[in-house]
Structure formats: C-alpha cells, structure tokens
C-alpha atoms as a PDB file:
ATOM      1  CA  MET A   1      -7.058  25.789  10.457  1.00  0.00           C
ATOM      2  CA  ALA A   2      -3.883  27.625   9.496  1.00  0.00           C
ATOM      3  CA  ILE A   3      -0.552  25.854   9.356  1.00  0.00           C
ATOM      4  CA  ASP A   4       1.761  27.237  12.017  1.00  0.00           C
ATOM      5  CA  ARG A   5       4.520  29.265  10.363  1.00  0.00           C
ATOM      6  CA  GLN A   6       6.954  28.015  13.021  1.00  0.00           C
ATOM      7  CA  PHE A   7       7.399  24.988  10.743  1.00  0.00           C
ATOM      8  CA  ILE A   8       9.274  27.056   8.160  1.00  0.00           C
ATOM      9  CA  GLY A   9      12.752  25.534   8.365  1.00  0.00           C
ATOM     10  CA  TYR A  10      11.469  22.180   9.652  1.00  0.00           C
ATOM     11  CA  SER A  11      13.478  19.323   8.203  1.00  0.00           C
ATOM     12  CA  LEU A  12      13.411  15.566   8.283  1.00  0.00           C
ATOM     13  CA  PRO A  13      16.501  13.622   9.269  1.00  0.00           C
ATOM     14  CA  PRO A  14      18.480  12.777   6.110  1.00  0.00           C
ATOM     15  CA  PHE A  15      17.767   9.324   4.689  1.00  0.00           C
ATOM     16  CA  THR A  16      19.396   7.079   2.101  1.00  0.00           C
ATOM     17  CA  VAL A  17      17.795   5.660  -1.043  1.00  0.00           C
ATOM     18  CA  THR A  18      19.161   2.939  -3.314  1.00  0.00           C
ATOM     19  CA  VAL A  19      18.140   3.485  -6.931  1.00  0.00           C
ATOM     20  CA  GLU A  20      16.751   0.051  -7.802  1.00  0.00           C
ATOM     21  CA  GLY A  21      16.717  -1.213 -11.390  1.00  0.00           C
ATOM     22  CA  GLU A  22      13.333  -2.968 -11.110  1.00  0.00           C
ATOM     23  CA  ARG A  23      11.632   0.121  -9.692  1.00  0.00           C
ATOM     24  CA  LEU A  24      13.181   2.176 -12.491  1.00  0.00           C
ATOM     25  CA  ARG A  25      11.772  -0.238 -15.088  1.00  0.00           C
ATOM     26  CA  GLN A  26       8.326   0.000 -13.484  1.00  0.00           C
ATOM     27  CA  PHE A  27       8.542   3.795 -13.432  1.00  0.00           C
ATOM     28  CA  ALA A  28       9.664   3.899 -17.069  1.00  0.00           C
ATOM     29  CA  ALA A  29       6.740   1.662 -18.064  1.00  0.00           C
ATOM     30  CA  ALA A  30       4.321   3.885 -16.135  1.00  0.00           C
ATOM     31  CA  ILE A  31       5.464   7.044 -17.946  1.00  0.00           C
ATOM     32  CA  GLY A  32       5.774   5.368 -21.358  1.00  0.00           C
ATOM     33  CA  ALA A  33       9.560   5.592 -21.582  1.00  0.00           C
ATOM     34  CA  PRO A  34      11.450   3.100 -23.787  1.00  0.00           C
ATOM     35  CA  ALA A  35      11.869  -0.376 -22.289  1.00  0.00           C
ATOM     36  CA  PRO A  36      15.698  -0.308 -21.912  1.00  0.00           C
ATOM     37  CA  LEU A  37      15.455   2.713 -19.626  1.00  0.00           C
ATOM     38  CA  GLY A  38      16.067   1.838 -16.009  1.00  0.00           C
ATOM     39  CA  GLY A  39      18.304  -1.209 -16.311  1.00  0.00           C
ATOM     40  CA  ASP A  40      21.311  -1.460 -14.033  1.00  0.00           C
ATOM     41  CA  GLY A  41      23.830   1.120 -15.133  1.00  0.00           C
ATOM     42  CA  ASP A  42      21.361   3.005 -17.348  1.00  0.00           C
ATOM     43  CA  ARG A  43      20.543   6.609 -16.683  1.00  0.00           C
ATOM     44  CA  VAL A  44      17.172   7.230 -15.126  1.00  0.00           C
ATOM     45  CA  PRO A  45      14.207   9.365 -16.237  1.00  0.00           C
ATOM     46  CA  PRO A  46      14.560  12.940 -14.963  1.00  0.00           C
ATOM     47  CA  THR A  47      11.233  12.827 -13.135  1.00  0.00           C
ATOM     48  CA  TYR A  48      12.334   9.790 -11.127  1.00  0.00           C
ATOM     49  CA  LEU A  49      13.642  12.375  -8.650  1.00  0.00           C
ATOM     50  CA  LYS A  50      10.022  12.646  -7.463  1.00  0.00           C
ATOM     51  CA  VAL A  51      10.151   8.979  -6.451  1.00  0.00           C
ATOM     52  CA  ILE A  52      13.481   9.469  -4.665  1.00  0.00           C
ATOM     53  CA  GLU A  53      12.343  12.497  -2.666  1.00  0.00           C
ATOM     54  CA  GLY A  54       9.180  10.689  -1.592  1.00  0.00           C
ATOM     55  CA  GLU A  55      10.934   7.581  -0.283  1.00  0.00           C
ATOM     56  CA  ASP A  56      10.597   6.718   3.390  1.00  0.00           C
ATOM     57  CA  ASN A  57       7.110   8.346   3.258  1.00  0.00           C
ATOM     58  CA  SER A  58       8.889  11.676   3.607  1.00  0.00           C
ATOM     59  CA  SER A  59       6.081  13.854   2.216  1.00  0.00           C
ATOM     60  CA  ARG A  60       3.565  12.164   4.515  1.00  0.00           C
ATOM     61  CA  LYS A  61       5.933  12.626   7.491  1.00  0.00           C
ATOM     62  CA  ILE A  62       6.325  16.334   6.748  1.00  0.00           C
ATOM     63  CA  LEU A  63       2.578  16.880   6.445  1.00  0.00           C
ATOM     64  CA  SER A  64       1.945  14.896   9.618  1.00  0.00           C
ATOM     65  CA  ALA A  65       4.459  17.039  11.534  1.00  0.00           C
ATOM     66  CA  LEU A  66       2.635  20.143  10.280  1.00  0.00           C
ATOM     67  CA  GLY A  67      -0.728  18.717  11.375  1.00  0.00           C
ATOM     68  CA  VAL A  68      -2.121  18.619   7.839  1.00  0.00           C
ATOM     69  CA  ASP A  69      -4.946  16.186   7.044  1.00  0.00           C
ATOM     70  CA  LEU A  70      -4.045  14.307   3.843  1.00  0.00           C
ATOM     71  CA  LYS A  71      -7.663  14.605   2.642  1.00  0.00           C
ATOM     72  CA  ARG A  72      -7.050  18.332   2.175  1.00  0.00           C
ATOM     73  CA  VAL A  73      -3.841  17.976   0.109  1.00  0.00           C
ATOM     74  CA  LEU A  74      -3.136  18.411  -3.593  1.00  0.00           C
ATOM     75  CA  HIS A  75       0.250  18.283  -5.303  1.00  0.00           C
ATOM     76  CA  ALA A  76       0.460  21.762  -6.826  1.00  0.00           C
ATOM     77  CA  GLU A  77       3.878  22.096  -8.443  1.00  0.00           C
ATOM     78  CA  GLN A  78       7.218  20.339  -8.885  1.00  0.00           C
ATOM     79  CA  GLU A  79      10.597  21.641 -10.034  1.00  0.00           C
ATOM     80  CA  PHE A  80      13.818  19.740 -10.731  1.00  0.00           C
ATOM     81  CA  GLU A  81      17.347  21.128 -10.946  1.00  0.00           C
ATOM     82  CA  PHE A  82      19.942  18.616 -12.130  1.00  0.00           C
ATOM     83  CA  HIS A  83      23.608  18.738 -11.146  1.00  0.00           C
ATOM     84  CA  ALA A  84      25.050  15.258 -11.737  1.00  0.00           C
ATOM     85  CA  PRO A  85      23.859  12.028 -13.349  1.00  0.00           C
ATOM     86  CA  TYR A  86      22.901   9.029 -11.261  1.00  0.00           C
ATOM     87  CA  ARG A  87      22.198   5.443 -12.223  1.00  0.00           C
ATOM     88  CA  ALA A  88      20.558   2.266 -11.044  1.00  0.00           C
ATOM     89  CA  GLY A  89      22.506   0.870  -8.118  1.00  0.00           C
ATOM     90  CA  ASP A  90      23.535   4.283  -6.744  1.00  0.00           C
ATOM     91  CA  ARG A  91      22.922   5.032  -3.076  1.00  0.00           C
ATOM     92  CA  LEU A  92      21.800   8.610  -2.616  1.00  0.00           C
ATOM     93  CA  SER A  93      21.317  10.756   0.476  1.00  0.00           C
ATOM     94  CA  VAL A  94      18.159  12.856   0.676  1.00  0.00           C
ATOM     95  CA  GLU A  95      17.545  15.962   2.787  1.00  0.00           C
ATOM     96  CA  ARG A  96      14.100  17.615   2.848  1.00  0.00           C
ATOM     97  CA  ARG A  97      13.162  20.957   4.424  1.00  0.00           C
ATOM     98  CA  VAL A  98      10.072  23.155   4.557  1.00  0.00           C
ATOM     99  CA  SER A  99      11.279  26.438   3.034  1.00  0.00           C
ATOM    100  CA  SER A 100       8.036  28.407   2.941  1.00  0.00           C
ATOM    101  CA  ILE A 101       4.393  28.376   3.973  1.00  0.00           C
ATOM    102  CA  TYR A 102       2.024  30.955   2.543  1.00  0.00           C
ATOM    103  CA  GLU A 103      -1.684  31.440   1.942  1.00  0.00           C
ATOM    104  CA  ARG A 104      -4.050  32.687  -0.734  1.00  0.00           C
ATOM    105  CA  LYS A 105      -7.762  33.493  -0.831  1.00  0.00           C
ATOM    106  CA  ALA A 106      -7.903  34.721   2.769  1.00  0.00           C
ATOM    107  CA  GLY A 107      -6.518  31.440   4.074  1.00  0.00           C
ATOM    108  CA  GLU A 108      -8.761  29.113   2.072  1.00  0.00           C
ATOM    109  CA  LEU A 109      -5.631  27.843   0.319  1.00  0.00           C
ATOM    110  CA  GLU A 110      -2.276  27.305   1.986  1.00  0.00           C
ATOM    111  CA  PHE A 111       0.919  26.314   0.223  1.00  0.00           C
ATOM    112  CA  VAL A 112       3.781  24.363   1.762  1.00  0.00           C
ATOM    113  CA  VAL A 113       7.066  24.565  -0.150  1.00  0.00           C
ATOM    114  CA  VAL A 114       9.459  21.664   0.441  1.00  0.00           C
ATOM    115  CA  ASP A 115      13.040  21.858  -0.848  1.00  0.00           C
ATOM    116  CA  THR A 116      15.016  18.660  -1.311  1.00  0.00           C
ATOM    117  CA  LEU A 117      18.742  18.083  -1.809  1.00  0.00           C
ATOM    118  CA  ILE A 118      19.911  14.755  -3.216  1.00  0.00           C
ATOM    119  CA  TRP A 119      23.597  13.822  -2.788  1.00  0.00           C
ATOM    120  CA  GLN A 120      25.958  11.077  -3.910  1.00  0.00           C
ATOM    121  CA  PRO A 121      28.079   9.394  -1.185  1.00  0.00           C
ATOM    122  CA  SER A 122      31.078  11.335  -2.541  1.00  0.00           C
ATOM    123  CA  GLY A 123      29.308  14.526  -1.491  1.00  0.00           C
ATOM    124  CA  ALA A 124      28.502  15.582  -5.060  1.00  0.00           C
ATOM    125  CA  LEU A 125      25.106  17.227  -5.387  1.00  0.00           C
ATOM    126  CA  VAL A 126      22.903  15.202  -7.764  1.00  0.00           C
ATOM    127  CA  ALA A 127      19.813  17.399  -7.739  1.00  0.00           C
ATOM    128  CA  ARG A 128      17.647  19.940  -6.015  1.00  0.00           C
ATOM    129  CA  THR A 129      13.898  19.637  -6.150  1.00  0.00           C
ATOM    130  CA  GLN A 130      11.100  21.850  -4.988  1.00  0.00           C
ATOM    131  CA  GLN A 131       7.643  20.527  -4.246  1.00  0.00           C
ATOM    132  CA  VAL A 132       4.682  22.816  -3.642  1.00  0.00           C
ATOM    133  CA  ILE A 133       1.830  21.221  -1.725  1.00  0.00           C
ATOM    134  CA  LEU A 134      -1.608  22.847  -1.762  1.00  0.00           C
ATOM    135  CA  VAL A 135      -3.706  22.495   1.386  1.00  0.00           C
ATOM    136  CA  ARG A 136      -7.397  23.298   1.039  1.00  0.00           C
ATOM    137  CA  ASN A 137      -8.940  24.789   4.159  1.00  0.00           C
ATOM    138  CA  ALA A 138     -12.625  25.256   4.846  1.00  0.00           C
ATOM    139  CA  ALA A 139     -13.920  28.528   3.491  1.00  0.00           C
ATOM    140  CA  PRO A 140     -14.123  31.120   6.257  1.00  0.00           C
ATOM    141  CA  VAL A 141     -17.620  31.938   7.456  1.00  0.00           C
ATOM    142  CA  ARG A 142     -18.637  35.313   6.059  1.00  0.00           C
ATOM    143  CA  THR A 143     -20.919  37.475   8.174  1.00  0.00           C
END
C-alpha cells in the first residue's frame, strides 16, 4: 500500500520539551559519554536532538497520520544541523513536518522524510534535524 503523497507538507502542532538533567544523564550513560555530561547547566550530547524530536510520540503520530503500520518501519537515516547550544533546564519548541515521500524498488520501499526545527523561547533556532523513515511494503506480485 503506497503512502498518499498528499501528506507531503503535513505537520504536527508545535510542542514544547524541557531538557531534563536526569534524562540527559541516562542518555549519556546509554551512549558511553563521560559521567558529568548531562548535569544541570552542562551542554548535552549532540545526538540528544533525536530524543527531543521524538518527544510527545511525534514520530509515531506522524506515521499514524500517514496510515503506516509500525511493523513495516525502519529508521533509515538521521541528520543534525546545529545553530545554538542548549542545556539541561532549557525549554525548547519543536516543529515537525513531512518534507518528502518517495519510493524505490517499484514501491517495495517507501521513504518518509521528516524535517524538524527546534527553537529556544527567545526565537533563536537551536537545530534542524532530518529523519528518514523506511517503510517496507509487500513485494508486488509479478505475473
């Protein structure tokens, strides 16, 4: 089943995330970063942006809106573009939008590209991320 291209441009309502020190410490431990990383006031690991963009079940909400069964999903690619530092305790605004949907292998593989903007309350852009989600479709019947 092909994903309807009408969803290109679909966006979630913006949401707010508080960067929590304890979650940062857990993330740092999970990726093997030094123990002091993630304390209140400390800078955060660059890849923590993946946690921020996924808050509020945003990836799941996007895929649900597109009618994608999570059993068919793989995380294919992730890009981060940094603009300003952020720290534990910061409240950040997150905006996510489907920027592209395309297919490969005669529709057996579909790719959903989700762009995310992360802002400080002052309006300063903290980061842009791009997530590429791979959706595996059943192989077409060949006759």
